[in-house]
Amino acid sequence: MLQTNLQHLETHDSLMEAIQKHENVMICCGRMGPMCLPVYAAMADLRPEYPHVAFFDQDFDGTAADYIQGLPECSAFMGLPFTVYFKNGRVVAATTSLQSSKQVRAILDRSFGNV
């Protein structure tokens, strides 16, 4: 399990439930490494500004990560983390590698708006 202060998706069922239960979902699938930690931190910092978005992390090496890794939107990704944004169960954005808070905010605003 990742050591973040985000909600963790540890099973395929919990992943699918999160995507189906919440209208707006951001999932960061990664490791506890230098490219992933800033994205987890950005998510934690931005979470209060986006109460209409469910923020989750997922261990890239866990079997449940197969779903995120297998998405067509992630097929060309080479670096970690894989960050995927879902709206009503559909992928609306996907990024790879290090993202700043400013970049994450821009994607959240474009994909889900700011309440």
Protein backbone atom coordinates (compact mmCIF):
# COMPACT_ATOMS: atom_id res chain seq x y z
CA MET A 1 0.00 0.00 0.00
CA LEU A 2 1.20 3.50 -0.78
CA GLN A 3 2.02 5.74 2.18
CA THR A 4 -0.01 8.82 1.28
CA ASN A 5 -2.87 10.62 2.96
CA LEU A 6 -5.14 9.85 -0.01
CA GLN A 7 -7.74 7.10 -0.22
CA HIS A 8 -6.16 3.89 -1.52
CA LEU A 9 -7.59 1.60 -4.20
CA GLU A 10 -6.16 -1.82 -3.43
CA THR A 11 -8.46 -4.14 -5.36
CA HIS A 12 -10.05 -4.24 -8.78
CA ASP A 13 -13.48 -4.15 -7.12
CA SER A 14 -12.64 -1.03 -5.09
CA LEU A 15 -11.34 0.66 -8.25
CA MET A 16 -14.48 -0.12 -10.22
CA GLU A 17 -16.69 0.94 -7.30
CA ALA A 18 -14.88 4.29 -7.05
CA ILE A 19 -15.29 4.97 -10.76
CA GLN A 20 -18.97 3.99 -10.72
CA LYS A 21 -19.91 5.60 -7.39
CA HIS A 22 -18.42 9.05 -7.99
CA GLU A 23 -19.21 11.37 -10.88
CA ASN A 24 -15.69 12.88 -10.90
CA VAL A 25 -12.64 10.77 -10.04
CA MET A 26 -8.90 11.35 -10.14
CA ILE A 27 -6.67 8.29 -9.72
CA CYS A 28 -2.90 8.49 -9.47
CA CYS A 29 -1.35 5.09 -10.09
CA GLY A 30 2.29 5.08 -9.04
CA ARG A 31 4.97 4.27 -6.52
CA MET A 32 6.60 6.10 -3.60
CA GLY A 33 9.18 7.68 -5.90
CA PRO A 34 10.37 11.15 -6.89
CA MET A 35 8.08 11.49 -9.92
CA CYS A 36 4.98 10.37 -8.02
CA LEU A 37 5.32 12.08 -4.64
CA PRO A 38 4.72 15.62 -5.99
CA VAL A 39 1.53 14.45 -7.71
CA TYR A 40 0.23 12.86 -4.49
CA ALA A 41 1.08 16.09 -2.65
CA ALA A 42 -0.72 18.20 -5.27
CA MET A 43 -3.78 15.99 -4.97
CA ALA A 44 -3.82 16.31 -1.18
CA ASP A 45 -3.35 20.08 -1.37
CA LEU A 46 -6.03 20.59 -4.03
CA ARG A 47 -8.60 18.19 -2.56
CA PRO A 48 -10.29 20.84 -0.33
CA GLU A 49 -10.84 23.08 -3.37
CA TYR A 50 -12.55 20.28 -5.30
CA PRO A 51 -15.12 18.65 -2.98
CA HIS A 52 -16.96 17.38 -6.05
CA VAL A 53 -13.94 15.22 -7.05
CA ALA A 54 -12.95 11.92 -5.43
CA PHE A 55 -9.14 11.63 -5.16
CA PHE A 56 -7.50 8.20 -4.99
CA ASP A 57 -4.08 6.64 -5.27
CA GLN A 58 -3.22 3.16 -6.44
CA ASP A 59 -0.03 1.10 -6.18
CA PHE A 60 1.37 0.69 -9.71
CA ASP A 61 2.76 -2.76 -8.84
CA GLY A 62 -0.48 -4.16 -7.43
CA THR A 63 -2.66 -6.46 -9.51
CA ALA A 64 -5.54 -3.95 -9.38
CA ALA A 65 -3.39 -1.51 -11.37
CA ASP A 66 -3.83 -3.67 -14.47
CA TYR A 67 -7.02 -1.78 -15.28
CA ILE A 68 -5.37 1.66 -15.31
CA GLN A 69 -2.27 0.33 -17.09
CA GLY A 70 -4.46 -1.30 -19.74
CA LEU A 71 -6.49 1.78 -20.64
CA PRO A 72 -6.01 2.88 -24.26
CA GLU A 73 -5.34 6.41 -23.00
CA CYS A 74 -2.31 5.06 -21.09
CA SER A 75 -0.93 2.74 -23.77
CA ALA A 76 1.94 5.02 -24.80
CA PHE A 77 2.90 6.09 -21.27
CA MET A 78 6.53 5.45 -20.34
CA GLY A 79 6.92 7.15 -16.95
CA LEU A 80 5.20 7.08 -13.59
CA PRO A 81 2.75 7.95 -12.31
CA PHE A 82 -0.19 7.25 -14.57
CA THR A 83 -2.86 9.78 -13.57
CA VAL A 84 -6.35 9.26 -14.94
CA TYR A 85 -9.42 11.47 -14.62
CA PHE A 86 -12.88 9.90 -14.96
CA LYS A 87 -16.21 11.66 -15.41
CA ASN A 88 -19.33 9.49 -15.20
CA GLY A 89 -17.18 6.37 -15.59
CA ARG A 90 -15.36 7.57 -18.72
CA VAL A 91 -11.80 8.73 -19.09
CA VAL A 92 -11.72 12.47 -19.77
CA ALA A 93 -7.97 13.02 -19.29
CA ALA A 94 -4.83 11.02 -18.62
CA THR A 95 -1.28 12.13 -17.91
CA THR A 96 2.02 10.49 -17.20
CA SER A 97 5.08 11.53 -15.25
CA LEU A 98 5.57 14.46 -12.93
CA GLN A 99 2.79 17.05 -12.79
CA SER A 100 2.88 20.31 -10.84
CA SER A 101 -0.05 21.54 -8.76
CA LYS A 102 -0.69 24.13 -11.47
CA GLN A 103 -0.90 21.42 -14.15
CA VAL A 104 -3.16 19.21 -12.01
CA ARG A 105 -5.41 22.19 -11.24
CA ALA A 106 -5.72 23.00 -14.95
CA ILE A 107 -6.80 19.45 -15.74
CA LEU A 108 -9.26 19.38 -12.83
CA ASP A 109 -10.79 22.67 -13.96
CA ARG A 110 -10.99 21.60 -17.60
CA SER A 111 -12.38 18.14 -16.78
CA PHE A 112 -14.64 18.83 -13.80
CA GLY A 113 -14.90 22.58 -13.27
CA ASN A 114 -14.29 24.31 -9.97
CA VAL A 115 -17.20 24.63 -7.58
